[in-house]
Each structure stands twice: as structure tokens, then as C-alpha cells.
Amino acid sequence: TEPILLGIPRSHPLAAHANAPYAPYAQTDLSLFAK
């Protein structure tokens, strides 16, 4: 089984909530990306 991930450019303001490259993934809510 394989998880589906949300990917955003690191230049995006919400990328500040992501973990560093190759670290375990942080979690976010898709509704934050409605626009």
C-alpha cells in the first residue's frame, strides 16, 4: 500500500509548516489550500 502526499513548492508560505527535506512528513489539512 502506498500513501498519497500533498506536495507544495518550498517557496509557498505554508511550506514553513513542513519538515526539513527527507525528514518524516508533517501533516496538514487540504482545506488550507482552497485558493
Full PDB file with SEQRES, HELIX, SHEET, SSBOND, CRYST1, ORIGX, SCALE, CONECT and MASTER records, all heavy atoms in Angstrom:
SEQRES   1 A   35  THR GLU PRO ILE LEU LEU GLY ILE PRO ARG SER HIS PRO          
SEQRES   2 A   35  LEU ALA ALA HIS ALA ASN ALA PRO TYR ALA PRO TYR ALA          
SEQRES   3 A   35  GLN THR ASP LEU SER LEU PHE ALA LYS                          
HELIX    1 AA1 PRO A   13  HIS A   17  5                                   5    
HELIX    2 AA2 LEU A   30  PHE A   33  5                                   4    
CRYST1    1.000    1.000    1.000  90.00  90.00  90.00 P 1           1          
ORIGX1      1.000000  0.000000  0.000000        0.00000                         
ORIGX2      0.000000  1.000000  0.000000        0.00000                         
ORIGX3      0.000000  0.000000  1.000000        0.00000                         
SCALE1      1.000000  0.000000  0.000000        0.00000                         
SCALE2      0.000000  1.000000  0.000000        0.00000                         
SCALE3      0.000000  0.000000  1.000000        0.00000                         
ATOM      1  N   THR A   1       0.853  -1.177   0.000  1.00  0.00           N  
ATOM      2  CA  THR A   1       0.000   0.000   0.000  1.00  0.00           C  
ATOM      3  C   THR A   1       0.891   1.230   0.000  1.00  0.00           C  
ATOM      4  O   THR A   1       2.009   1.210   0.522  1.00  0.00           O  
ATOM      5  CB  THR A   1      -0.930   0.032   1.227  1.00  0.00           C  
ATOM      6  OG1 THR A   1      -0.141  -0.058   2.414  1.00  0.00           O  
ATOM      7  CG2 THR A   1      -1.922  -1.117   1.177  1.00  0.00           C  
ATOM      8  N   GLU A   2       0.385   2.291  -0.579  1.00  0.00           N  
ATOM      9  CA  GLU A   2       1.206   3.482  -0.783  1.00  0.00           C  
ATOM     10  C   GLU A   2       0.411   4.731  -0.416  1.00  0.00           C  
ATOM     11  O   GLU A   2      -0.690   4.946  -0.935  1.00  0.00           O  
ATOM     12  CB  GLU A   2       1.625   3.533  -2.250  1.00  0.00           C  
ATOM     13  CG  GLU A   2       2.514   4.689  -2.610  1.00  0.00           C  
ATOM     14  CD  GLU A   2       2.930   4.617  -4.065  1.00  0.00           C  
ATOM     15  OE1 GLU A   2       2.189   4.034  -4.874  1.00  0.00           O  
ATOM     16  OE2 GLU A   2       3.983   5.172  -4.394  1.00  0.00           O  
ATOM     17  N   PRO A   3       0.934   5.573   0.476  1.00  0.00           N  
ATOM     18  CA  PRO A   3       0.219   6.808   0.828  1.00  0.00           C  
ATOM     19  C   PRO A   3       0.283   7.849  -0.288  1.00  0.00           C  
ATOM     20  O   PRO A   3       1.232   7.868  -1.086  1.00  0.00           O  
ATOM     21  CB  PRO A   3       0.962   7.297   2.077  1.00  0.00           C  
ATOM     22  CG  PRO A   3       2.320   6.690   1.980  1.00  0.00           C  
ATOM     23  CD  PRO A   3       2.158   5.381   1.264  1.00  0.00           C  
ATOM     24  N   ILE A   4      -0.734   8.685  -0.344  1.00  0.00           N  
ATOM     25  CA  ILE A   4      -0.778   9.807  -1.273  1.00  0.00           C  
ATOM     26  C   ILE A   4      -0.418  11.067  -0.481  1.00  0.00           C  
ATOM     27  O   ILE A   4      -1.016  11.344   0.567  1.00  0.00           O  
ATOM     28  CB  ILE A   4      -2.175   9.965  -1.897  1.00  0.00           C  
ATOM     29  CG1 ILE A   4      -2.669   8.627  -2.473  1.00  0.00           C  
ATOM     30  CG2 ILE A   4      -2.153  11.047  -2.962  1.00  0.00           C  
ATOM     31  CD1 ILE A   4      -1.800   8.035  -3.533  1.00  0.00           C  
ATOM     32  N   LEU A   5       0.538  11.826  -0.977  1.00  0.00           N  
ATOM     33  CA  LEU A   5       1.047  13.002  -0.278  1.00  0.00           C  
ATOM     34  C   LEU A   5       0.633  14.290  -0.986  1.00  0.00           C  
ATOM     35  O   LEU A   5       0.470  14.313  -2.209  1.00  0.00           O  
ATOM     36  CB  LEU A   5       2.573  12.955  -0.194  1.00  0.00           C  
ATOM     37  CG  LEU A   5       3.197  11.710   0.449  1.00  0.00           C  
ATOM     38  CD1 LEU A   5       4.723  11.795   0.356  1.00  0.00           C  
ATOM     39  CD2 LEU A   5       2.753  11.553   1.892  1.00  0.00           C  
ATOM     40  N   LEU A   6       0.481  15.341  -0.205  1.00  0.00           N  
ATOM     41  CA  LEU A   6       0.318  16.684  -0.757  1.00  0.00           C  
ATOM     42  C   LEU A   6       1.695  17.303  -0.903  1.00  0.00           C  
ATOM     43  O   LEU A   6       2.484  17.324   0.052  1.00  0.00           O  
ATOM     44  CB  LEU A   6      -0.541  17.540   0.178  1.00  0.00           C  
ATOM     45  CG  LEU A   6      -0.606  19.037  -0.145  1.00  0.00           C  
ATOM     46  CD1 LEU A   6      -1.354  19.278  -1.454  1.00  0.00           C  
ATOM     47  CD2 LEU A   6      -1.265  19.818   0.992  1.00  0.00           C  
ATOM     48  N   GLY A   7       1.994  17.794  -2.106  1.00  0.00           N  
ATOM     49  CA  GLY A   7       3.273  18.455  -2.343  1.00  0.00           C  
ATOM     50  C   GLY A   7       3.065  19.902  -2.737  1.00  0.00           C  
ATOM     51  O   GLY A   7       2.207  20.205  -3.574  1.00  0.00           O  
ATOM     52  N   ILE A   8       3.843  20.805  -2.124  1.00  0.00           N  
ATOM     53  CA  ILE A   8       3.759  22.230  -2.471  1.00  0.00           C  
ATOM     54  C   ILE A   8       5.173  22.770  -2.650  1.00  0.00           C  
ATOM     55  O   ILE A   8       6.125  22.246  -2.064  1.00  0.00           O  
ATOM     56  CB  ILE A   8       3.013  23.040  -1.389  1.00  0.00           C  
ATOM     57  CG1 ILE A   8       3.812  23.077  -0.083  1.00  0.00           C  
ATOM     58  CG2 ILE A   8       1.626  22.463  -1.152  1.00  0.00           C  
ATOM     59  CD1 ILE A   8       3.208  23.995   0.965  1.00  0.00           C  
ATOM     60  N   PRO A   9       5.337  23.808  -3.470  1.00  0.00           N  
ATOM     61  CA  PRO A   9       6.669  24.389  -3.624  1.00  0.00           C  
ATOM     62  C   PRO A   9       7.206  24.894  -2.280  1.00  0.00           C  
ATOM     63  O   PRO A   9       6.445  25.429  -1.457  1.00  0.00           O  
ATOM     64  CB  PRO A   9       6.434  25.558  -4.594  1.00  0.00           C  
ATOM     65  CG  PRO A   9       5.168  25.199  -5.323  1.00  0.00           C  
ATOM     66  CD  PRO A   9       4.331  24.452  -4.337  1.00  0.00           C  
ATOM     67  N   ARG A  10       8.486  24.743  -2.032  1.00  0.00           N  
ATOM     68  CA  ARG A  10       9.079  25.211  -0.768  1.00  0.00           C  
ATOM     69  C   ARG A  10       9.025  26.730  -0.647  1.00  0.00           C  
ATOM     70  O   ARG A  10       9.176  27.273   0.447  1.00  0.00           O  
ATOM     71  CB  ARG A  10      10.523  24.737  -0.656  1.00  0.00           C  
ATOM     72  CG  ARG A  10      10.642  23.236  -0.434  1.00  0.00           C  
ATOM     73  CD  ARG A  10      11.297  22.911   0.877  1.00  0.00           C  
ATOM     74  NE  ARG A  10      11.254  21.462   1.138  1.00  0.00           N  
ATOM     75  CZ  ARG A  10      11.007  20.919   2.306  1.00  0.00           C  
ATOM     76  NH1 ARG A  10      10.713  21.692   3.337  1.00  0.00           N  
ATOM     77  NH2 ARG A  10      11.010  19.617   2.467  1.00  0.00           N  
ATOM     78  N   SER A  11       8.783  27.395  -1.780  1.00  0.00           N  
ATOM     79  CA  SER A  11       8.642  28.852  -1.746  1.00  0.00           C  
ATOM     80  C   SER A  11       7.257  29.292  -1.259  1.00  0.00           C  
ATOM     81  O   SER A  11       7.034  30.469  -0.986  1.00  0.00           O  
ATOM     82  CB  SER A  11       8.882  29.425  -3.149  1.00  0.00           C  
ATOM     83  OG  SER A  11       7.973  28.848  -4.088  1.00  0.00           O  
ATOM     84  N   HIS A  12       6.321  28.359  -1.137  1.00  0.00           N  
ATOM     85  CA  HIS A  12       4.963  28.676  -0.695  1.00  0.00           C  
ATOM     86  C   HIS A  12       4.990  29.021   0.799  1.00  0.00           C  
ATOM     87  O   HIS A  12       5.687  28.375   1.582  1.00  0.00           O  
ATOM     88  CB  HIS A  12       4.055  27.465  -0.936  1.00  0.00           C  
ATOM     89  CG  HIS A  12       2.599  27.760  -0.785  1.00  0.00           C  
ATOM     90  ND1 HIS A  12       1.993  27.977   0.436  1.00  0.00           N  
ATOM     91  CD2 HIS A  12       1.610  27.865  -1.717  1.00  0.00           C  
ATOM     92  CE1 HIS A  12       0.717  28.204   0.260  1.00  0.00           C  
ATOM     93  NE2 HIS A  12       0.447  28.144  -1.036  1.00  0.00           N  
ATOM     94  N   PRO A  13       4.222  30.042   1.233  1.00  0.00           N  
ATOM     95  CA  PRO A  13       4.226  30.428   2.655  1.00  0.00           C  
ATOM     96  C   PRO A  13       3.890  29.273   3.615  1.00  0.00           C  
ATOM     97  O   PRO A  13       4.484  29.160   4.689  1.00  0.00           O  
ATOM     98  CB  PRO A  13       3.156  31.526   2.727  1.00  0.00           C  
ATOM     99  CG  PRO A  13       3.120  32.100   1.343  1.00  0.00           C  
ATOM    100  CD  PRO A  13       3.404  30.964   0.413  1.00  0.00           C  
ATOM    101  N   LEU A  14       2.965  28.389   3.214  1.00  0.00           N  
ATOM    102  CA  LEU A  14       2.588  27.286   4.089  1.00  0.00           C  
ATOM    103  C   LEU A  14       3.646  26.184   4.173  1.00  0.00           C  
ATOM    104  O   LEU A  14       3.564  25.299   5.032  1.00  0.00           O  
ATOM    105  CB  LEU A  14       1.248  26.683   3.635  1.00  0.00           C  
ATOM    106  CG  LEU A  14       0.016  27.569   3.859  1.00  0.00           C  
ATOM    107  CD1 LEU A  14      -1.232  26.931   3.263  1.00  0.00           C  
ATOM    108  CD2 LEU A  14      -0.193  27.829   5.352  1.00  0.00           C  
ATOM    109  N   ALA A  15       4.656  26.278   3.307  1.00  0.00           N  
ATOM    110  CA  ALA A  15       5.746  25.303   3.386  1.00  0.00           C  
ATOM    111  C   ALA A  15       6.565  25.483   4.660  1.00  0.00           C  
ATOM    112  O   ALA A  15       7.325  24.592   5.044  1.00  0.00           O  
ATOM    113  CB  ALA A  15       6.655  25.433   2.168  1.00  0.00           C  
ATOM    114  N   ALA A  16       6.397  26.625   5.328  1.00  0.00           N  
ATOM    115  CA  ALA A  16       7.093  26.844   6.604  1.00  0.00           C  
ATOM    116  C   ALA A  16       6.649  25.826   7.655  1.00  0.00           C  
ATOM    117  O   ALA A  16       7.385  25.570   8.620  1.00  0.00           O  
ATOM    118  CB  ALA A  16       6.819  28.257   7.099  1.00  0.00           C  
ATOM    119  N   HIS A  17       5.481  25.212   7.459  1.00  0.00           N  
ATOM    120  CA  HIS A  17       4.973  24.218   8.411  1.00  0.00           C  
ATOM    121  C   HIS A  17       5.449  22.802   8.077  1.00  0.00           C  
ATOM    122  O   HIS A  17       5.152  21.861   8.819  1.00  0.00           O  
ATOM    123  CB  HIS A  17       3.443  24.259   8.437  1.00  0.00           C  
ATOM    124  CG  HIS A  17       2.884  25.588   8.834  1.00  0.00           C  
ATOM    125  ND1 HIS A  17       2.935  26.076  10.129  1.00  0.00           N  
ATOM    126  CD2 HIS A  17       2.277  26.553   8.091  1.00  0.00           C  
ATOM    127  CE1 HIS A  17       2.371  27.271  10.174  1.00  0.00           C  
ATOM    128  NE2 HIS A  17       1.965  27.597   8.948  1.00  0.00           N  
ATOM    129  N   ALA A  18       6.164  22.667   6.968  1.00  0.00           N  
ATOM    130  CA  ALA A  18       6.662  21.346   6.576  1.00  0.00           C  
ATOM    131  C   ALA A  18       7.951  21.028   7.320  1.00  0.00           C  
ATOM    132  O   ALA A  18       8.658  21.923   7.798  1.00  0.00           O  
ATOM    133  CB  ALA A  18       6.912  21.309   5.069  1.00  0.00           C  
ATOM    134  N   ASN A  19       8.257  19.760   7.406  1.00  0.00           N  
ATOM    135  CA  ASN A  19       9.527  19.343   7.982  1.00  0.00           C  
ATOM    136  C   ASN A  19      10.646  19.506   6.969  1.00  0.00           C  
ATOM    137  O   ASN A  19      10.413  19.709   5.771  1.00  0.00           O  
ATOM    138  CB  ASN A  19       9.452  17.895   8.460  1.00  0.00           C  
ATOM    139  CG  ASN A  19       8.561  17.755   9.699  1.00  0.00           C  
ATOM    140  OD1 ASN A  19       8.360  18.719  10.436  1.00  0.00           O  
ATOM    141  ND2 ASN A  19       8.033  16.563   9.913  1.00  0.00           N  
ATOM    142  N   ALA A  20      11.869  19.404   7.441  1.00  0.00           N  
ATOM    143  CA  ALA A  20      13.036  19.538   6.571  1.00  0.00           C  
ATOM    144  C   ALA A  20      13.037  18.422   5.529  1.00  0.00           C  
ATOM    145  O   ALA A  20      12.418  17.372   5.730  1.00  0.00           O  
ATOM    146  CB  ALA A  20      14.312  19.478   7.404  1.00  0.00           C  
ATOM    147  N   PRO A  21      13.726  18.636   4.404  1.00  0.00           N  
ATOM    148  CA  PRO A  21      13.798  17.584   3.388  1.00  0.00           C  
ATOM    149  C   PRO A  21      14.269  16.253   3.974  1.00  0.00           C  
ATOM    150  O   PRO A  21      15.204  16.215   4.769  1.00  0.00           O  
ATOM    151  CB  PRO A  21      14.809  18.139   2.385  1.00  0.00           C  
ATOM    152  CG  PRO A  21      14.688  19.625   2.520  1.00  0.00           C  
ATOM    153  CD  PRO A  21      14.429  19.856   3.986  1.00  0.00           C  
ATOM    154  N   TYR A  22      13.580  15.177   3.564  1.00  0.00           N  
ATOM    155  CA  TYR A  22      13.920  13.787   3.919  1.00  0.00           C  
ATOM    156  C   TYR A  22      13.647  13.447   5.386  1.00  0.00           C  
ATOM    157  O   TYR A  22      13.951  12.337   5.816  1.00  0.00           O  
ATOM    158  CB  TYR A  22      15.368  13.466   3.539  1.00  0.00           C  
ATOM    159  CG  TYR A  22      15.682  13.904   2.133  1.00  0.00           C  
ATOM    160  CD1 TYR A  22      16.490  15.009   1.881  1.00  0.00           C  
ATOM    161  CD2 TYR A  22      15.104  13.244   1.043  1.00  0.00           C  
ATOM    162  CE1 TYR A  22      16.744  15.431   0.572  1.00  0.00           C  
ATOM    163  CE2 TYR A  22      15.352  13.661  -0.253  1.00  0.00           C  
ATOM    164  CZ  TYR A  22      16.172  14.748  -0.477  1.00  0.00           C  
ATOM    165  OH  TYR A  22      16.405  15.170  -1.765  1.00  0.00           O  
ATOM    166  N   ALA A  23      13.068  14.378   6.143  1.00  0.00           N  
ATOM    167  CA  ALA A  23      12.591  14.066   7.497  1.00  0.00           C  
ATOM    168  C   ALA A  23      11.179  13.507   7.381  1.00  0.00           C  
ATOM    169  O   ALA A  23      10.542  13.619   6.323  1.00  0.00           O  
ATOM    170  CB  ALA A  23      12.602  15.315   8.359  1.00  0.00           C  
ATOM    171  N   PRO A  24      10.662  12.868   8.431  1.00  0.00           N  
ATOM    172  CA  PRO A  24       9.272  12.404   8.384  1.00  0.00           C  
ATOM    173  C   PRO A  24       8.328  13.552   8.036  1.00  0.00           C  
ATOM    174  O   PRO A  24       8.549  14.700   8.429  1.00  0.00           O  
ATOM    175  CB  PRO A  24       9.029  11.884   9.807  1.00  0.00           C  
ATOM    176  CG  PRO A  24      10.392  11.491  10.290  1.00  0.00           C  
ATOM    177  CD  PRO A  24      11.339  12.492   9.695  1.00  0.00           C  
ATOM    178  N   TYR A  25       7.277  13.243   7.289  1.00  0.00           N  
ATOM    179  CA  TYR A  25       6.380  14.283   6.794  1.00  0.00           C  
ATOM    180  C   TYR A  25       5.540  14.880   7.927  1.00  0.00           C  
ATOM    181  O   TYR A  25       5.070  14.164   8.803  1.00  0.00           O  
ATOM    182  CB  TYR A  25       5.430  13.718   5.732  1.00  0.00           C  
ATOM    183  CG  TYR A  25       6.124  12.994   4.609  1.00  0.00           C  
ATOM    184  CD1 TYR A  25       5.908  11.631   4.412  1.00  0.00           C  
ATOM    185  CD2 TYR A  25       6.988  13.656   3.740  1.00  0.00           C  
ATOM    186  CE1 TYR A  25       6.541  10.950   3.380  1.00  0.00           C  
ATOM    187  CE2 TYR A  25       7.625  12.984   2.713  1.00  0.00           C  
ATOM    188  CZ  TYR A  25       7.395  11.630   2.538  1.00  0.00           C  
ATOM    189  OH  TYR A  25       8.026  10.958   1.525  1.00  0.00           O  
ATOM    190  N   ALA A  26       5.362  16.196   7.868  1.00  0.00           N  
ATOM    191  CA  ALA A  26       4.386  16.855   8.735  1.00  0.00           C  
ATOM    192  C   ALA A  26       2.993  16.634   8.146  1.00  0.00           C  
ATOM    193  O   ALA A  26       2.851  16.230   6.988  1.00  0.00           O  
ATOM    194  CB  ALA A  26       4.698  18.347   8.832  1.00  0.00           C  
ATOM    195  N   GLN A  27       1.969  16.908   8.943  1.00  0.00           N  
ATOM    196  CA  GLN A  27       0.595  16.743   8.472  1.00  0.00           C  
ATOM    197  C   GLN A  27      -0.060  18.106   8.308  1.00  0.00           C  
ATOM    198  O   GLN A  27       0.221  19.047   9.063  1.00  0.00           O  
ATOM    199  CB  GLN A  27      -0.207  15.890   9.459  1.00  0.00           C  
ATOM    200  CG  GLN A  27      -1.594  15.506   8.936  1.00  0.00           C  
ATOM    201  CD  GLN A  27      -2.310  14.554   9.880  1.00  0.00           C  
ATOM    202  OE1 GLN A  27      -3.147  14.980  10.677  1.00  0.00           O  
ATOM    203  NE2 GLN A  27      -1.983  13.263   9.797  1.00  0.00           N  
ATOM    204  N   THR A  28      -0.915  18.226   7.312  1.00  0.00           N  
ATOM    205  CA  THR A  28      -1.656  19.460   7.095  1.00  0.00           C  
ATOM    206  C   THR A  28      -3.065  19.124   6.642  1.00  0.00           C  
ATOM    207  O   THR A  28      -3.386  17.964   6.383  1.00  0.00           O  
ATOM    208  CB  THR A  28      -0.954  20.357   6.053  1.00  0.00           C  
ATOM    209  OG1 THR A  28      -1.553  21.653   6.061  1.00  0.00           O  
ATOM    210  CG2 THR A  28      -1.063  19.758   4.655  1.00  0.00           C  
ATOM    211  N   ASP A  29      -3.895  20.150   6.522  1.00  0.00           N  
ATOM    212  CA  ASP A  29      -5.287  19.958   6.109  1.00  0.00           C  
ATOM    213  C   ASP A  29      -5.461  20.527   4.706  1.00  0.00           C  
ATOM    214  O   ASP A  29      -5.029  21.645   4.420  1.00  0.00           O  
ATOM    215  CB  ASP A  29      -6.224  20.674   7.084  1.00  0.00           C  
ATOM    216  CG  ASP A  29      -7.657  20.194   6.917  1.00  0.00           C  
ATOM    217  OD1 ASP A  29      -8.240  20.443   5.836  1.00  0.00           O  
ATOM    218  OD2 ASP A  29      -8.188  19.574   7.844  1.00  0.00           O  
ATOM    219  N   LEU A  30      -6.085  19.770   3.835  1.00  0.00           N  
ATOM    220  CA  LEU A  30      -6.244  20.182   2.442  1.00  0.00           C  
ATOM    221  C   LEU A  30      -7.068  21.458   2.312  1.00  0.00           C  
ATOM    222  O   LEU A  30      -6.870  22.245   1.373  1.00  0.00           O  
ATOM    223  CB  LEU A  30      -6.904  19.042   1.645  1.00  0.00           C  
ATOM    224  CG  LEU A  30      -6.964  19.189   0.124  1.00  0.00           C  
ATOM    225  CD1 LEU A  30      -5.571  19.332  -0.472  1.00  0.00           C  
ATOM    226  CD2 LEU A  30      -7.676  17.988  -0.495  1.00  0.00           C  
ATOM    227  N   SER A  31      -7.985  21.704   3.247  1.00  0.00           N  
ATOM    228  CA  SER A  31      -8.842  22.893   3.168  1.00  0.00           C  
ATOM    229  C   SER A  31      -8.038  24.189   3.202  1.00  0.00           C  
ATOM    230  O   SER A  31      -8.519  25.235   2.742  1.00  0.00           O  
ATOM    231  CB  SER A  31      -9.869  22.881   4.297  1.00  0.00           C  
ATOM    232  OG  SER A  31      -9.219  22.929   5.566  1.00  0.00           O  
ATOM    233  N   LEU A  32      -6.812  24.151   3.742  1.00  0.00           N  
ATOM    234  CA  LEU A  32      -5.958  25.339   3.789  1.00  0.00           C  
ATOM    235  C   LEU A  32      -5.505  25.783   2.402  1.00  0.00           C  
ATOM    236  O   LEU A  32      -5.014  26.901   2.231  1.00  0.00           O  
ATOM    237  CB  LEU A  32      -4.736  25.072   4.668  1.00  0.00           C  
ATOM    238  CG  LEU A  32      -4.998  24.732   6.140  1.00  0.00           C  
ATOM    239  CD1 LEU A  32      -3.703  24.369   6.844  1.00  0.00           C  
ATOM    240  CD2 LEU A  32      -5.681  25.906   6.834  1.00  0.00           C  
ATOM    241  N   PHE A  33      -5.698  24.909   1.406  1.00  0.00           N  
ATOM    242  CA  PHE A  33      -5.176  25.176   0.069  1.00  0.00           C  
ATOM    243  C   PHE A  33      -6.304  25.430  -0.938  1.00  0.00           C  
ATOM    244  O   PHE A  33      -6.111  25.276  -2.141  1.00  0.00           O  
ATOM    245  CB  PHE A  33      -4.307  23.997  -0.383  1.00  0.00           C  
ATOM    246  CG  PHE A  33      -3.113  23.787   0.495  1.00  0.00           C  
ATOM    247  CD1 PHE A  33      -3.217  23.061   1.676  1.00  0.00           C  
ATOM    248  CD2 PHE A  33      -1.878  24.332   0.163  1.00  0.00           C  
ATOM    249  CE1 PHE A  33      -2.126  22.881   2.508  1.00  0.00           C  
ATOM    250  CE2 PHE A  33      -0.781  24.157   0.989  1.00  0.00           C  
ATOM    251  CZ  PHE A  33      -0.899  23.434   2.160  1.00  0.00           C  
ATOM    252  N   ALA A  34      -7.446  25.865  -0.420  1.00  0.00           N  
ATOM    253  CA  ALA A  34      -8.625  26.053  -1.277  1.00  0.00           C  
ATOM    254  C   ALA A  34      -8.403  27.098  -2.365  1.00  0.00           C  
ATOM    255  O   ALA A  34      -9.016  27.018  -3.436  1.00  0.00           O  
ATOM    256  CB  ALA A  34      -9.835  26.430  -0.426  1.00  0.00           C  
ATOM    257  N   LYS A  35      -7.543  28.078  -2.120  1.00  0.00           N  
ATOM    258  CA  LYS A  35      -7.333  29.148  -3.094  1.00  0.00           C  
ATOM    259  C   LYS A  35      -6.111  28.887  -3.990  1.00  0.00           C  
ATOM    260  O   LYS A  35      -5.759  29.740  -4.813  1.00  0.00           O  
ATOM    261  CB  LYS A  35      -7.175  30.488  -2.378  1.00  0.00           C  
ATOM    262  CG  LYS A  35      -8.431  30.915  -1.629  1.00  0.00           C  
ATOM    263  CD  LYS A  35      -8.250  32.280  -0.977  1.00  0.00           C  
ATOM    264  CE  LYS A  35      -9.523  32.710  -0.249  1.00  0.00           C  
ATOM    265  NZ  LYS A  35      -9.360  34.042   0.409  1.00  0.00           N  
TER     266      LYS A  35                                                      
MASTER        0    0    0    2    0    0    0    6  265    1    0    3          
END                                                                             
